[in-house]
Amino acid sequence: MVTFLSFTAGVLLWTLGLKSCGFLAAWVLIGCNVLAEKLKYDDPLEAALLHGGCGIWGIIFTALFSKKQYVNEIYLGFSDRPNGFFMGRVEKYWQHML
């Protein structure tokens, strides 16, 4: 569930792999659980932690690793769309995150 939730944000835009995104999303969920315990947040099903934390992680992962080729295939006619921070488009990173 963690892997599925985290990679749906931008699975068409990056090639780093579902396993790496999902593996890191599991650690994000563990961190959200620790934070929820410290804040005494009661969520027995972990729905808010799972959907909130891992969903945000998927968006951040997309902003970091989206490839220019895939961004241009999806957004036809917009050649200056931002791609991932680690894929060569550092100056547009914050625009992508917003």
C-alpha atoms as a PDB file:
ATOM      1  CA  MET A   1       0.000   0.000   0.000  1.00  0.00           C
ATOM      2  CA  VAL A   2       2.833   2.389   0.839  1.00  0.00           C
ATOM      3  CA  THR A   3       4.559   1.772  -2.481  1.00  0.00           C
ATOM      4  CA  PHE A   4       1.364   2.132  -4.473  1.00  0.00           C
ATOM      5  CA  LEU A   5       0.396   5.340  -2.753  1.00  0.00           C
ATOM      6  CA  SER A   6       3.806   6.976  -3.127  1.00  0.00           C
ATOM      7  CA  PHE A   7       4.456   6.217  -6.792  1.00  0.00           C
ATOM      8  CA  THR A   8       1.069   7.204  -8.198  1.00  0.00           C
ATOM      9  CA  ALA A   9       2.010  10.899  -7.966  1.00  0.00           C
ATOM     10  CA  GLY A  10       4.403  10.724 -10.892  1.00  0.00           C
ATOM     11  CA  VAL A  11       5.073   7.208 -12.066  1.00  0.00           C
ATOM     12  CA  LEU A  12       5.029   8.333 -15.711  1.00  0.00           C
ATOM     13  CA  LEU A  13       7.742  10.936 -15.164  1.00  0.00           C
ATOM     14  CA  TRP A  14      10.670   9.061 -13.652  1.00  0.00           C
ATOM     15  CA  THR A  15      12.617   5.880 -14.256  1.00  0.00           C
ATOM     16  CA  LEU A  16      14.479   5.465 -10.996  1.00  0.00           C
ATOM     17  CA  GLY A  17      12.168   2.624 -10.064  1.00  0.00           C
ATOM     18  CA  LEU A  18       9.160   1.788  -8.018  1.00  0.00           C
ATOM     19  CA  LYS A  19      11.199  -0.191  -5.525  1.00  0.00           C
ATOM     20  CA  SER A  20      13.349   2.751  -4.509  1.00  0.00           C
ATOM     21  CA  CYS A  21      10.361   5.092  -4.162  1.00  0.00           C
ATOM     22  CA  GLY A  22       8.414   2.491  -2.185  1.00  0.00           C
ATOM     23  CA  PHE A  23      11.350   1.574   0.034  1.00  0.00           C
ATOM     24  CA  LEU A  24      11.869   5.198   0.975  1.00  0.00           C
ATOM     25  CA  ALA A  25       8.117   5.679   1.418  1.00  0.00           C
ATOM     26  CA  ALA A  26       8.139   2.922   4.025  1.00  0.00           C
ATOM     27  CA  TRP A  27      10.713   4.902   5.983  1.00  0.00           C
ATOM     28  CA  VAL A  28       8.598   8.040   5.565  1.00  0.00           C
ATOM     29  CA  LEU A  29       5.638   6.159   7.058  1.00  0.00           C
ATOM     30  CA  ILE A  30       7.757   4.986   9.990  1.00  0.00           C
ATOM     31  CA  GLY A  31       8.862   8.576  10.575  1.00  0.00           C
ATOM     32  CA  CYS A  32       5.241   9.750  10.430  1.00  0.00           C
ATOM     33  CA  ASN A  33       4.326   7.109  13.017  1.00  0.00           C
ATOM     34  CA  VAL A  34       7.073   8.290  15.367  1.00  0.00           C
ATOM     35  CA  LEU A  35       5.969  11.896  14.921  1.00  0.00           C
ATOM     36  CA  ALA A  36       2.320  10.964  15.563  1.00  0.00           C
ATOM     37  CA  GLU A  37       3.298   9.201  18.799  1.00  0.00           C
ATOM     38  CA  LYS A  38       5.247  12.241  19.992  1.00  0.00           C
ATOM     39  CA  LEU A  39       2.353  14.564  19.147  1.00  0.00           C
ATOM     40  CA  LYS A  40      -0.137  12.082  20.699  1.00  0.00           C
ATOM     41  CA  TYR A  41      -2.110  11.993  17.453  1.00  0.00           C
ATOM     42  CA  ASP A  42      -4.667   9.183  17.526  1.00  0.00           C
ATOM     43  CA  ASP A  43      -5.101   7.495  14.154  1.00  0.00           C
ATOM     44  CA  PRO A  44      -5.632   3.743  14.695  1.00  0.00           C
ATOM     45  CA  LEU A  45      -5.737   2.937  10.980  1.00  0.00           C
ATOM     46  CA  GLU A  46      -2.811   5.225  10.085  1.00  0.00           C
ATOM     47  CA  ALA A  47      -4.881   6.561   7.184  1.00  0.00           C
ATOM     48  CA  ALA A  48      -3.832  10.192   7.589  1.00  0.00           C
ATOM     49  CA  LEU A  49      -0.206   9.198   8.065  1.00  0.00           C
ATOM     50  CA  LEU A  50      -0.217   6.863   5.084  1.00  0.00           C
ATOM     51  CA  HIS A  51      -2.054   9.086   2.627  1.00  0.00           C
ATOM     52  CA  GLY A  52      -0.593  12.368   3.849  1.00  0.00           C
ATOM     53  CA  GLY A  53       3.023  11.399   4.457  1.00  0.00           C
ATOM     54  CA  CYS A  54       3.502   8.952   1.602  1.00  0.00           C
ATOM     55  CA  GLY A  55       1.487  11.050  -0.845  1.00  0.00           C
ATOM     56  CA  ILE A  56       3.674  14.049  -0.133  1.00  0.00           C
ATOM     57  CA  TRP A  57       6.756  11.835  -0.474  1.00  0.00           C
ATOM     58  CA  GLY A  58       5.562  10.749  -3.938  1.00  0.00           C
ATOM     59  CA  ILE A  59       5.252  14.380  -5.031  1.00  0.00           C
ATOM     60  CA  ILE A  60       8.726  15.207  -3.690  1.00  0.00           C
ATOM     61  CA  PHE A  61      10.189  12.092  -5.373  1.00  0.00           C
ATOM     62  CA  THR A  62       8.667  13.226  -8.672  1.00  0.00           C
ATOM     63  CA  ALA A  63      10.132  16.712  -8.244  1.00  0.00           C
ATOM     64  CA  LEU A  64      13.561  15.212  -7.656  1.00  0.00           C
ATOM     65  CA  PHE A  65      13.728  12.476 -10.300  1.00  0.00           C
ATOM     66  CA  SER A  66      11.395  13.270 -13.234  1.00  0.00           C
ATOM     67  CA  LYS A  67      13.082  12.961 -16.629  1.00  0.00           C
ATOM     68  CA  LYS A  68      12.834  15.700 -19.252  1.00  0.00           C
ATOM     69  CA  GLN A  69      11.919  13.218 -21.990  1.00  0.00           C
ATOM     70  CA  TYR A  70       8.875  11.964 -20.083  1.00  0.00           C
ATOM     71  CA  VAL A  71       7.782  15.444 -18.995  1.00  0.00           C
ATOM     72  CA  ASN A  72       7.817  16.582 -22.639  1.00  0.00           C
ATOM     73  CA  GLU A  73       5.833  13.504 -23.729  1.00  0.00           C
ATOM     74  CA  ILE A  74       3.084  14.211 -21.206  1.00  0.00           C
ATOM     75  CA  TYR A  75       2.945  18.001 -21.566  1.00  0.00           C
ATOM     76  CA  LEU A  76       2.951  18.388 -25.344  1.00  0.00           C
ATOM     77  CA  GLY A  77       3.566  21.910 -26.600  1.00  0.00           C
ATOM     78  CA  PHE A  78       5.261  23.054 -23.386  1.00  0.00           C
ATOM     79  CA  SER A  79       8.958  22.433 -23.994  1.00  0.00           C
ATOM     80  CA  ASP A  80      10.146  24.486 -21.008  1.00  0.00           C
ATOM     81  CA  ARG A  81       8.350  22.422 -18.343  1.00  0.00           C
ATOM     82  CA  PRO A  82      10.502  21.681 -15.288  1.00  0.00           C
ATOM     83  CA  ASN A  83      11.968  18.235 -14.853  1.00  0.00           C
ATOM     84  CA  GLY A  84      13.653  16.688 -11.836  1.00  0.00           C
ATOM     85  CA  PHE A  85      16.250  18.329  -9.632  1.00  0.00           C
ATOM     86  CA  PHE A  86      18.716  15.441 -10.079  1.00  0.00           C
ATOM     87  CA  MET A  87      17.935  15.136 -13.787  1.00  0.00           C
ATOM     88  CA  GLY A  88      19.493  18.426 -14.821  1.00  0.00           C
ATOM     89  CA  ARG A  89      16.954  21.149 -14.125  1.00  0.00           C
ATOM     90  CA  VAL A  90      18.035  22.637 -10.822  1.00  0.00           C
ATOM     91  CA  GLU A  91      16.805  26.198 -11.468  1.00  0.00           C
ATOM     92  CA  LYS A  92      13.150  25.096 -11.926  1.00  0.00           C
ATOM     93  CA  TYR A  93      13.007  22.852  -8.848  1.00  0.00           C
ATOM     94  CA  TRP A  94      11.012  25.193  -6.606  1.00  0.00           C
ATOM     95  CA  GLN A  95       8.520  25.930  -9.378  1.00  0.00           C
ATOM     96  CA  HIS A  96       7.943  22.204  -9.724  1.00  0.00           C
ATOM     97  CA  MET A  97       7.477  21.758  -5.993  1.00  0.00           C
ATOM     98  CA  LEU A  98       4.811  24.463  -5.890  1.00  0.00           C
END
